[in-house]
Every structure is written in structure tokens, then in C-alpha cells.
Amino acid sequence: MDVFSRTFLPAATEAGLAVQTVSRHMPVFRRCVGSGDATILVTRCSRPDRPVTGNYLLLLTHRRLVVTQQTRLLHRLRLHLNTELRELSNVTWSPDPRLHSVELAATAIDGIRERFLIRTTHPKQVWQLDALLNHAFRTRLRAPRERVLATIGDASAAVRPHVFRPAVAR
């Protein structure tokens, strides 16, 4: 059993997902995620800006964010979002323990702002979810440090490069 399977199944069980739901979405996730990538989170979610478009299932690994959509009427499955975490920008999440939810928002590489609402059953789970998202995105949210790779300016005479001047042939 590979790393993805070993970590995906317990995460799906912890999220309270039915076996039918997991088995239905698994082929799509399998195509998107490598066998060596560990699952951080699997959960149902919705889109706050489009509440009637269907059910969504969010998979977060150490390298990727994959979201599938199941339509309400025909129960068709389609891939909504498949991106590497490093390709996401402006990633934010807002935990709300009063509403038992966390809103996750990120801008994909194509410039589209994606928003997902993840509901929990207990306020304590909101903070667990907050910690998981912090763990997944903490390196992306750190302020970049300024690094000096090279300076341009007057170099001292000792460090000036030698200028090659060809000798004139007579």
C-alpha cells in the first residue's frame, strides 16, 4: 500500500465520509495525486458564492489541493480544481467557531479566486482544521526575506575585473 492510500483512508474516516463517497471520488484523486504524497485533509465543502451547484470534496496533501464536484441532479463527478500548493497565491482562511466553519480562499494560477466553506460539527474541530491549514500553508505565508545576491556599484580597485585589451599587431 502506497503513502497516499495509507493516509487518505484514515483521513476520510476521520472526516466521517461514507465508503461509497470515498470509492466514487478515489479514481479522480488517484489521477491527480502521486502515490508518495501524504494526505493532510479530506473533507466535504461548499462554495459560499454558489451554494446550489453541487457537493464538493476537498483533498489537501503536502503538495496539492484537489477539489471534486458532484452535481446535484445527475450525481456526475467532475474535477473542479487540481493545483500544486506552490502555484496558489493569497491563501487565507477564516475560522469561525460560532458557525462551526472555516472559509478557505486562494487564488489559482489562472487568476481565479476560489472560496470554499468547510463545516465542522464542533468548535474544537474548527481549531484543529485551522492548525492543519496552518501546517500546510505556513511556508507560503511567511514574509519573504530580502536576500542580497549581488550588488552593483563602484567596486574597489582591488576587485575590479581585468579589462582585456588586445595588443596591436605591427
N, C-alpha and C. Protein backbone atom coordinates (compact mmCIF):
# COMPACT_ATOMS: atom_id res chain seq x y z
N MET A 1 0.85 -1.17 0.00
CA MET A 1 0.00 0.00 0.00
C MET A 1 0.89 1.23 0.00
N ASP A 2 0.61 2.18 -0.89
CA ASP A 2 1.44 3.38 -1.01
C ASP A 2 1.07 4.42 0.05
N VAL A 3 1.87 5.48 0.11
CA VAL A 3 1.70 6.51 1.12
C VAL A 3 0.34 7.20 1.00
N PHE A 4 -0.08 7.48 -0.23
CA PHE A 4 -1.36 8.16 -0.42
C PHE A 4 -2.51 7.33 0.13
N SER A 5 -2.55 6.05 -0.19
CA SER A 5 -3.63 5.18 0.31
C SER A 5 -3.60 5.04 1.82
N ARG A 6 -2.39 4.91 2.38
CA ARG A 6 -2.27 4.75 3.83
C ARG A 6 -2.75 5.98 4.59
N THR A 7 -2.60 7.16 4.00
CA THR A 7 -3.00 8.38 4.69
C THR A 7 -4.40 8.86 4.29
N PHE A 8 -4.84 8.54 3.07
CA PHE A 8 -6.13 9.01 2.59
C PHE A 8 -7.28 8.31 3.33
N LEU A 9 -7.21 7.02 3.46
CA LEU A 9 -8.32 6.27 4.08
C LEU A 9 -8.57 6.67 5.53
N PRO A 10 -7.56 6.80 6.39
CA PRO A 10 -7.83 7.28 7.76
C PRO A 10 -8.36 8.72 7.80
N ALA A 11 -7.87 9.57 6.90
CA ALA A 11 -8.36 10.96 6.87
C ALA A 11 -9.83 11.00 6.43
N ALA A 12 -10.21 10.16 5.50
CA ALA A 12 -11.60 10.10 5.05
C ALA A 12 -12.50 9.56 6.16
N THR A 13 -12.01 8.58 6.89
CA THR A 13 -12.78 8.03 8.01
C THR A 13 -12.95 9.07 9.11
N GLU A 14 -11.88 9.80 9.39
CA GLU A 14 -11.94 10.86 10.42
C GLU A 14 -12.93 11.96 10.03
N ALA A 15 -13.06 12.22 8.73
CA ALA A 15 -13.99 13.24 8.24
C ALA A 15 -15.43 12.74 8.24
N GLY A 16 -15.62 11.43 8.47
CA GLY A 16 -16.96 10.88 8.50
C GLY A 16 -17.56 10.67 7.13
N LEU A 17 -16.71 10.47 6.13
CA LEU A 17 -17.20 10.24 4.77
C LEU A 17 -17.64 8.80 4.59
N ALA A 18 -18.72 8.60 3.86
CA ALA A 18 -19.23 7.26 3.59
C ALA A 18 -18.28 6.54 2.63
N VAL A 19 -18.26 5.23 2.74
CA VAL A 19 -17.38 4.41 1.89
C VAL A 19 -17.74 4.61 0.42
N GLN A 20 -19.03 4.75 0.11
CA GLN A 20 -19.46 4.96 -1.27
C GLN A 20 -18.90 6.27 -1.83
N THR A 21 -18.91 7.30 -1.01
CA THR A 21 -18.38 8.59 -1.44
C THR A 21 -16.88 8.50 -1.69
N VAL A 22 -16.18 7.87 -0.80
CA VAL A 22 -14.72 7.72 -0.93
C VAL A 22 -14.39 6.92 -2.17
N SER A 23 -15.07 5.80 -2.38
CA SER A 23 -14.77 4.96 -3.54
C SER A 23 -15.14 5.64 -4.85
N ARG A 24 -16.14 6.49 -4.82
CA ARG A 24 -16.55 7.22 -6.03
C ARG A 24 -15.52 8.29 -6.42
N HIS A 25 -14.97 9.00 -5.44
CA HIS A 25 -14.02 10.08 -5.71
C HIS A 25 -12.58 9.60 -5.83
N MET A 26 -12.29 8.42 -5.34
CA MET A 26 -10.91 7.92 -5.30
C MET A 26 -10.23 7.87 -6.68
N PRO A 27 -10.87 7.41 -7.75
CA PRO A 27 -10.17 7.40 -9.05
C PRO A 27 -9.75 8.79 -9.52
N VAL A 28 -10.55 9.80 -9.25
CA VAL A 28 -10.20 11.17 -9.64
C VAL A 28 -9.00 11.64 -8.82
N PHE A 29 -9.04 11.41 -7.51
CA PHE A 29 -7.91 11.80 -6.66
C PHE A 29 -6.64 11.06 -7.05
N ARG A 30 -6.78 9.79 -7.39
CA ARG A 30 -5.64 8.95 -7.76
C ARG A 30 -4.92 9.51 -8.99
N ARG A 31 -5.71 10.03 -9.95
CA ARG A 31 -5.11 10.60 -11.16
C ARG A 31 -4.36 11.89 -10.88
N CYS A 32 -4.77 12.61 -9.85
CA CYS A 32 -4.21 13.93 -9.57
C CYS A 32 -3.03 13.90 -8.60
N VAL A 33 -3.04 12.96 -7.69
CA VAL A 33 -2.06 12.94 -6.60
C VAL A 33 -1.10 11.77 -6.80
N GLY A 34 0.16 12.02 -6.56
CA GLY A 34 1.16 10.96 -6.67
C GLY A 34 1.06 9.97 -5.53
N SER A 35 1.59 8.78 -5.75
CA SER A 35 1.49 7.72 -4.74
C SER A 35 2.32 8.02 -3.49
N GLY A 36 3.32 8.88 -3.59
CA GLY A 36 4.16 9.20 -2.45
C GLY A 36 3.73 10.44 -1.68
N ASP A 37 2.61 11.04 -2.05
CA ASP A 37 2.15 12.27 -1.40
C ASP A 37 1.18 11.92 -0.27
N ALA A 38 1.46 12.41 0.92
CA ALA A 38 0.64 12.11 2.10
C ALA A 38 -0.54 13.06 2.22
N THR A 39 -1.68 12.51 2.61
CA THR A 39 -2.90 13.29 2.78
C THR A 39 -2.88 14.02 4.11
N ILE A 40 -3.21 15.31 4.08
CA ILE A 40 -3.35 16.11 5.29
C ILE A 40 -4.82 16.19 5.69
N LEU A 41 -5.69 16.40 4.70
CA LEU A 41 -7.10 16.64 4.99
C LEU A 41 -7.98 16.18 3.84
N VAL A 42 -9.07 15.52 4.17
CA VAL A 42 -10.14 15.20 3.22
C VAL A 42 -11.43 15.63 3.89
N THR A 43 -12.23 16.44 3.21
CA THR A 43 -13.46 16.92 3.82
C THR A 43 -14.46 17.37 2.77
N ARG A 44 -15.71 17.36 3.15
CA ARG A 44 -16.75 17.95 2.31
C ARG A 44 -16.64 19.47 2.45
N CYS A 45 -17.01 20.16 1.40
CA CYS A 45 -17.04 21.62 1.45
C CYS A 45 -18.09 22.13 0.49
N SER A 46 -18.36 23.40 0.57
CA SER A 46 -19.30 24.04 -0.34
C SER A 46 -18.69 25.34 -0.82
N ARG A 47 -19.33 25.96 -1.79
CA ARG A 47 -18.87 27.25 -2.28
C ARG A 47 -19.83 28.30 -1.79
N PRO A 48 -19.38 29.24 -0.95
CA PRO A 48 -20.30 30.24 -0.39
C PRO A 48 -20.92 31.14 -1.46
N ASP A 49 -20.23 31.33 -2.57
CA ASP A 49 -20.75 32.19 -3.63
C ASP A 49 -21.69 31.44 -4.59
N ARG A 50 -21.67 30.10 -4.56
CA ARG A 50 -22.53 29.27 -5.42
C ARG A 50 -23.07 28.08 -4.63
N PRO A 51 -24.02 28.30 -3.75
CA PRO A 51 -24.47 27.22 -2.86
C PRO A 51 -25.27 26.11 -3.53
N VAL A 52 -25.81 26.30 -4.71
CA VAL A 52 -26.66 25.28 -5.31
C VAL A 52 -25.97 24.51 -6.43
N THR A 53 -24.69 24.64 -6.61
CA THR A 53 -24.00 23.99 -7.73
C THR A 53 -23.66 22.53 -7.49
N GLY A 54 -23.78 22.04 -6.28
CA GLY A 54 -23.47 20.64 -6.01
C GLY A 54 -22.62 20.47 -4.78
N ASN A 55 -22.22 19.23 -4.54
CA ASN A 55 -21.38 18.90 -3.39
C ASN A 55 -19.92 18.86 -3.83
N TYR A 56 -19.04 19.31 -2.96
CA TYR A 56 -17.61 19.32 -3.26
C TYR A 56 -16.88 18.48 -2.22
N LEU A 57 -15.80 17.86 -2.66
CA LEU A 57 -14.93 17.12 -1.76
C LEU A 57 -13.52 17.68 -1.94
N LEU A 58 -12.91 18.11 -0.85
CA LEU A 58 -11.61 18.76 -0.87
C LEU A 58 -10.56 17.80 -0.34
N LEU A 59 -9.46 17.68 -1.07
CA LEU A 59 -8.32 16.87 -0.66
C LEU A 59 -7.10 17.77 -0.61
N LEU A 60 -6.45 17.81 0.54
CA LEU A 60 -5.24 18.60 0.73
C LEU A 60 -4.11 17.66 1.09
N THR A 61 -3.04 17.69 0.29
CA THR A 61 -1.85 16.90 0.59
C THR A 61 -0.71 17.87 0.85
N HIS A 62 0.47 17.33 1.05
CA HIS A 62 1.63 18.19 1.29
C HIS A 62 2.02 18.97 0.04
N ARG A 63 1.60 18.48 -1.14
CA ARG A 63 1.98 19.14 -2.39
C ARG A 63 0.81 19.70 -3.19
N ARG A 64 -0.40 19.17 -3.03
CA ARG A 64 -1.50 19.51 -3.92
C ARG A 64 -2.79 19.84 -3.18
N LEU A 65 -3.64 20.60 -3.87
CA LEU A 65 -5.01 20.84 -3.45
C LEU A 65 -5.89 20.38 -4.61
N VAL A 66 -6.77 19.41 -4.32
CA VAL A 66 -7.66 18.85 -5.33
C VAL A 66 -9.08 18.97 -4.81
N VAL A 67 -9.98 19.49 -5.65
CA VAL A 67 -11.38 19.62 -5.28
C VAL A 67 -12.22 19.00 -6.40
N THR A 68 -13.08 18.07 -6.01
CA THR A 68 -14.00 17.46 -6.97
C THR A 68 -15.41 17.94 -6.68
N GLN A 69 -16.23 17.92 -7.72
CA GLN A 69 -17.61 18.36 -7.59
C GLN A 69 -18.53 17.23 -8.06
N GLN A 70 -19.59 17.01 -7.30
CA GLN A 70 -20.62 16.07 -7.69
C GLN A 70 -21.91 16.86 -7.91
N THR A 71 -22.46 16.82 -9.13
CA THR A 71 -23.65 17.59 -9.43
C THR A 71 -24.85 17.04 -8.67
N ARG A 72 -25.78 17.91 -8.35
CA ARG A 72 -26.94 17.51 -7.56
C ARG A 72 -27.91 16.64 -8.34
N LEU A 73 -28.19 17.00 -9.58
CA LEU A 73 -29.21 16.30 -10.33
C LEU A 73 -28.80 14.91 -10.81
N LEU A 74 -27.71 14.83 -11.56
CA LEU A 74 -27.29 13.56 -12.14
C LEU A 74 -26.17 12.87 -11.37
N HIS A 75 -25.68 13.51 -10.32
CA HIS A 75 -24.60 12.98 -9.48
C HIS A 75 -23.34 12.67 -10.29
N ARG A 76 -23.09 13.50 -11.30
CA ARG A 76 -21.87 13.33 -12.09
C ARG A 76 -20.70 13.93 -11.35
N LEU A 77 -19.58 13.28 -11.49
CA LEU A 77 -18.35 13.73 -10.85
C LEU A 77 -17.49 14.49 -11.84
N ARG A 78 -16.96 15.62 -11.42
CA ARG A 78 -16.01 16.34 -12.26
C ARG A 78 -14.94 16.98 -11.39
N LEU A 79 -13.79 17.16 -11.98
CA LEU A 79 -12.67 17.79 -11.29
C LEU A 79 -12.87 19.29 -11.33
N HIS A 80 -12.91 19.91 -10.16
CA HIS A 80 -13.11 21.36 -10.09
C HIS A 80 -11.77 22.10 -10.02
N LEU A 81 -10.85 21.61 -9.20
CA LEU A 81 -9.57 22.28 -9.01
C LEU A 81 -8.50 21.23 -8.74
N ASN A 82 -7.39 21.36 -9.43
CA ASN A 82 -6.24 20.48 -9.24
C ASN A 82 -5.00 21.33 -9.41
N THR A 83 -4.35 21.67 -8.30
CA THR A 83 -3.20 22.56 -8.37
C THR A 83 -2.17 22.22 -7.30
N GLU A 84 -0.94 22.54 -7.60
CA GLU A 84 0.10 22.40 -6.59
C GLU A 84 -0.01 23.57 -5.62
N LEU A 85 0.37 23.33 -4.38
CA LEU A 85 0.27 24.38 -3.36
C LEU A 85 1.14 25.58 -3.70
N ARG A 86 2.28 25.33 -4.31
CA ARG A 86 3.18 26.44 -4.63
C ARG A 86 2.63 27.33 -5.74
N GLU A 87 1.62 26.84 -6.49
CA GLU A 87 1.00 27.64 -7.55
C GLU A 87 -0.14 28.50 -7.03
N LEU A 88 -0.53 28.30 -5.78
CA LEU A 88 -1.59 29.11 -5.18
C LEU A 88 -1.00 30.39 -4.61
N SER A 89 -1.76 31.47 -4.69
CA SER A 89 -1.31 32.72 -4.10
C SER A 89 -2.44 33.30 -3.25
N ASN A 90 -2.07 34.17 -2.36
CA ASN A 90 -3.03 34.85 -1.49
C ASN A 90 -3.95 33.85 -0.78
N VAL A 91 -3.35 32.85 -0.17
CA VAL A 91 -4.11 31.81 0.55
C VAL A 91 -4.50 32.35 1.92
N THR A 92 -5.80 32.35 2.20
CA THR A 92 -6.30 32.80 3.50
C THR A 92 -7.36 31.83 3.98
N TRP A 93 -7.52 31.78 5.29
CA TRP A 93 -8.62 31.00 5.86
C TRP A 93 -9.11 31.72 7.10
N SER A 94 -10.42 31.62 7.32
CA SER A 94 -11.05 32.32 8.43
C SER A 94 -11.83 31.34 9.27
N PRO A 95 -11.29 30.96 10.44
CA PRO A 95 -12.04 30.07 11.32
C PRO A 95 -13.15 30.84 12.05
N ASP A 96 -14.32 30.23 12.13
CA ASP A 96 -15.45 30.83 12.83
C ASP A 96 -16.07 29.78 13.75
N PRO A 97 -15.66 29.74 15.03
CA PRO A 97 -16.17 28.70 15.94
C PRO A 97 -17.67 28.85 16.24
N ARG A 98 -18.20 30.06 16.11
CA ARG A 98 -19.65 30.24 16.36
C ARG A 98 -20.48 29.53 15.31
N LEU A 99 -20.03 29.57 14.06
CA LEU A 99 -20.76 28.91 12.97
C LEU A 99 -20.23 27.51 12.66
N HIS A 100 -19.23 27.07 13.41
CA HIS A 100 -18.60 25.76 13.21
C HIS A 100 -18.11 25.60 11.77
N SER A 101 -17.38 26.61 11.29
CA SER A 101 -16.92 26.55 9.91
C SER A 101 -15.60 27.28 9.73
N VAL A 102 -14.95 26.95 8.62
CA VAL A 102 -13.72 27.63 8.20
C VAL A 102 -13.88 27.95 6.72
N GLU A 103 -13.64 29.20 6.37
CA GLU A 103 -13.68 29.57 4.95
C GLU A 103 -12.25 29.64 4.44
N LEU A 104 -11.97 28.86 3.41
CA LEU A 104 -10.66 28.80 2.79
C LEU A 104 -10.75 29.50 1.44
N ALA A 105 -9.82 30.41 1.17
CA ALA A 105 -9.80 31.13 -0.10
C ALA A 105 -8.37 31.15 -0.63
N ALA A 106 -8.25 31.01 -1.95
CA ALA A 106 -6.94 31.03 -2.59
C ALA A 106 -7.12 31.45 -4.04
N THR A 107 -6.10 32.06 -4.58
CA THR A 107 -6.11 32.44 -5.98
C THR A 107 -5.28 31.42 -6.74
N ALA A 108 -5.93 30.80 -7.74
CA ALA A 108 -5.25 29.79 -8.55
C ALA A 108 -4.33 30.46 -9.55
N ILE A 109 -3.54 29.66 -10.24
CA ILE A 109 -2.54 30.19 -11.17
C ILE A 109 -3.19 30.92 -12.34
N ASP A 110 -4.44 30.58 -12.66
CA ASP A 110 -5.14 31.25 -13.76
C ASP A 110 -5.78 32.57 -13.33
N GLY A 111 -5.61 32.94 -12.05
CA GLY A 111 -6.10 34.22 -11.55
C GLY A 111 -7.50 34.17 -10.96
N ILE A 112 -8.13 33.02 -10.96
CA ILE A 112 -9.48 32.89 -10.41
C ILE A 112 -9.40 32.68 -8.91
N ARG A 113 -10.17 33.47 -8.18
CA ARG A 113 -10.22 33.37 -6.72
C ARG A 113 -11.22 32.28 -6.35
N GLU A 114 -10.74 31.25 -5.68
CA GLU A 114 -11.57 30.12 -5.25
C GLU A 114 -11.87 30.26 -3.77
N ARG A 115 -13.13 30.06 -3.39
CA ARG A 115 -13.54 30.12 -1.98
C ARG A 115 -14.32 28.85 -1.65
N PHE A 116 -13.97 28.27 -0.51
CA PHE A 116 -14.63 27.05 -0.05
C PHE A 116 -14.99 27.20 1.42
N LEU A 117 -16.16 26.73 1.78
CA LEU A 117 -16.63 26.76 3.15
C LEU A 117 -16.63 25.34 3.69
N ILE A 118 -15.87 25.11 4.75
CA ILE A 118 -15.77 23.79 5.36
C ILE A 118 -16.50 23.84 6.69
N ARG A 119 -17.52 23.02 6.83
CA ARG A 119 -18.32 22.99 8.06
C ARG A 119 -17.83 21.84 8.95
N THR A 120 -17.86 22.09 10.26
CA THR A 120 -17.49 21.07 11.24
C THR A 120 -18.67 20.85 12.19
N THR A 121 -18.58 19.81 13.00
CA THR A 121 -19.68 19.53 13.93
C THR A 121 -19.46 20.12 15.30
N HIS A 122 -18.22 20.52 15.60
CA HIS A 122 -17.89 21.01 16.94
C HIS A 122 -16.88 22.15 16.83
N PRO A 123 -16.96 23.16 17.73
CA PRO A 123 -15.99 24.28 17.67
C PRO A 123 -14.53 23.84 17.82
N LYS A 124 -14.29 22.77 18.55
CA LYS A 124 -12.92 22.29 18.72
C LYS A 124 -12.33 21.83 17.37
N GLN A 125 -13.19 21.29 16.50
CA GLN A 125 -12.72 20.86 15.19
C GLN A 125 -12.34 22.04 14.30
N VAL A 126 -12.94 23.19 14.55
CA VAL A 126 -12.57 24.39 13.81
C VAL A 126 -11.10 24.72 14.06
N TRP A 127 -10.69 24.63 15.32
CA TRP A 127 -9.30 24.95 15.65
C TRP A 127 -8.35 23.86 15.18
N GLN A 128 -8.79 22.61 15.13
CA GLN A 128 -7.96 21.54 14.56
C GLN A 128 -7.76 21.77 13.07
N LEU A 129 -8.83 22.17 12.40
CA LEU A 129 -8.75 22.47 10.98
C LEU A 129 -7.85 23.68 10.72
N ASP A 130 -7.94 24.67 11.59
CA ASP A 130 -7.07 25.84 11.50
C ASP A 130 -5.61 25.43 11.62
N ALA A 131 -5.31 24.53 12.54
CA ALA A 131 -3.94 24.06 12.73
C ALA A 131 -3.45 23.27 11.51
N LEU A 132 -4.32 22.45 10.92
CA LEU A 132 -3.94 21.70 9.72
C LEU A 132 -3.63 22.64 8.55
N LEU A 133 -4.46 23.64 8.36
CA LEU A 133 -4.22 24.60 7.28
C LEU A 133 -2.96 25.41 7.54
N ASN A 134 -2.73 25.76 8.78
CA ASN A 134 -1.51 26.47 9.14
C ASN A 134 -0.28 25.61 8.82
N HIS A 135 -0.37 24.33 9.12
CA HIS A 135 0.74 23.41 8.83
C HIS A 135 0.97 23.29 7.32
N ALA A 136 -0.10 23.22 6.55
CA ALA A 136 0.02 23.04 5.11
C ALA A 136 0.54 24.29 4.41
N PHE A 137 0.12 25.46 4.86
CA PHE A 137 0.44 26.69 4.16
C PHE A 137 1.42 27.60 4.88
N ARG A 138 1.97 27.19 6.01
CA ARG A 138 2.80 28.11 6.80
C ARG A 138 4.02 28.60 6.05
N THR A 139 4.64 27.78 5.23
CA THR A 139 5.81 28.25 4.49
C THR A 139 5.41 29.23 3.41
N ARG A 140 4.20 29.15 2.91
CA ARG A 140 3.73 30.07 1.88
C ARG A 140 3.37 31.43 2.45
N LEU A 141 3.03 31.48 3.74
CA LEU A 141 2.57 32.74 4.32
C LEU A 141 3.67 33.54 4.99
N ARG A 142 4.85 32.97 5.11
CA ARG A 142 5.95 33.72 5.71
C ARG A 142 6.34 34.87 4.81
N ALA A 143 6.66 35.98 5.42
CA ALA A 143 7.11 37.13 4.63
C ALA A 143 8.47 36.81 4.03
N PRO A 144 8.62 37.04 2.74
CA PRO A 144 9.90 36.73 2.12
C PRO A 144 10.99 37.66 2.64
N ARG A 145 12.11 37.06 2.98
CA ARG A 145 13.24 37.86 3.45
C ARG A 145 13.99 38.39 2.24
N GLU A 146 14.50 39.58 2.39
CA GLU A 146 15.28 40.14 1.31
C GLU A 146 16.66 39.52 1.33
N ARG A 147 17.07 38.98 0.19
CA ARG A 147 18.38 38.38 0.10
C ARG A 147 19.21 39.15 -0.92
N VAL A 148 20.44 39.43 -0.57
CA VAL A 148 21.33 40.13 -1.48
C VAL A 148 22.16 39.08 -2.19
N LEU A 149 21.94 38.97 -3.50
CA LEU A 149 22.71 38.02 -4.28
C LEU A 149 23.95 38.67 -4.87
N ALA A 150 23.80 39.93 -5.29
CA ALA A 150 24.93 40.66 -5.85
C ALA A 150 24.61 42.14 -5.75
N THR A 151 25.64 42.93 -5.65
CA THR A 151 25.44 44.38 -5.63
C THR A 151 26.08 44.98 -6.86
N ILE A 152 25.48 46.03 -7.32
CA ILE A 152 26.02 46.73 -8.48
C ILE A 152 26.44 48.11 -8.00
N GLY A 153 27.63 48.49 -8.29
CA GLY A 153 28.12 49.79 -7.86
C GLY A 153 29.61 49.87 -8.11
N ASP A 154 30.22 50.88 -7.53
CA ASP A 154 31.66 51.03 -7.69
C ASP A 154 32.38 49.96 -6.90
N ALA A 155 33.10 49.18 -7.61
CA ALA A 155 33.92 48.16 -6.95
C ALA A 155 35.28 48.79 -6.66
N SER A 156 35.89 48.34 -5.63
CA SER A 156 37.21 48.90 -5.30
C SER A 156 38.21 48.46 -6.36
N ALA A 157 39.32 49.12 -6.41
CA ALA A 157 40.33 48.84 -7.44
C ALA A 157 40.84 47.41 -7.33
N ALA A 158 40.88 46.89 -6.13
CA ALA A 158 41.40 45.54 -5.94
C ALA A 158 40.44 44.48 -6.50
N VAL A 159 39.16 44.81 -6.57
CA VAL A 159 38.19 43.83 -7.00
C VAL A 159 37.72 44.07 -8.43
N ARG A 160 38.19 45.14 -9.04
CA ARG A 160 37.75 45.44 -10.40
C ARG A 160 38.20 44.34 -11.34
N PRO A 161 37.32 43.99 -12.26
CA PRO A 161 37.72 42.96 -13.21
C PRO A 161 38.79 43.48 -14.18
N HIS A 162 39.62 42.58 -14.60
CA HIS A 162 40.68 42.94 -15.52
C HIS A 162 40.07 43.12 -16.91
N VAL A 163 40.35 44.24 -17.52
CA VAL A 163 39.83 44.53 -18.86
C VAL A 163 40.86 44.02 -19.87
N PHE A 164 40.41 43.21 -20.78
CA PHE A 164 41.30 42.65 -21.79
C PHE A 164 41.39 43.62 -22.95
N ARG A 165 42.61 44.04 -23.26
CA ARG A 165 42.85 44.91 -24.40
C ARG A 165 43.82 44.20 -25.32
N PRO A 166 43.33 43.86 -26.48
CA PRO A 166 44.23 43.14 -27.39
C PRO A 166 45.41 44.02 -27.82
N ALA A 167 46.54 43.38 -27.98
CA ALA A 167 47.74 44.10 -28.42
C ALA A 167 47.62 44.39 -29.92
N VAL A 168 48.11 45.53 -30.29
CA VAL A 168 48.03 45.92 -31.70
C VAL A 168 49.17 45.24 -32.43
N ALA A 169 48.84 44.55 -33.50
CA ALA A 169 49.86 43.85 -34.28
C ALA A 169 50.51 44.84 -35.25
N ARG A 170 51.87 44.86 -35.36
CA ARG A 170 52.54 45.78 -36.29
C ARG A 170 53.27 45.04 -37.31
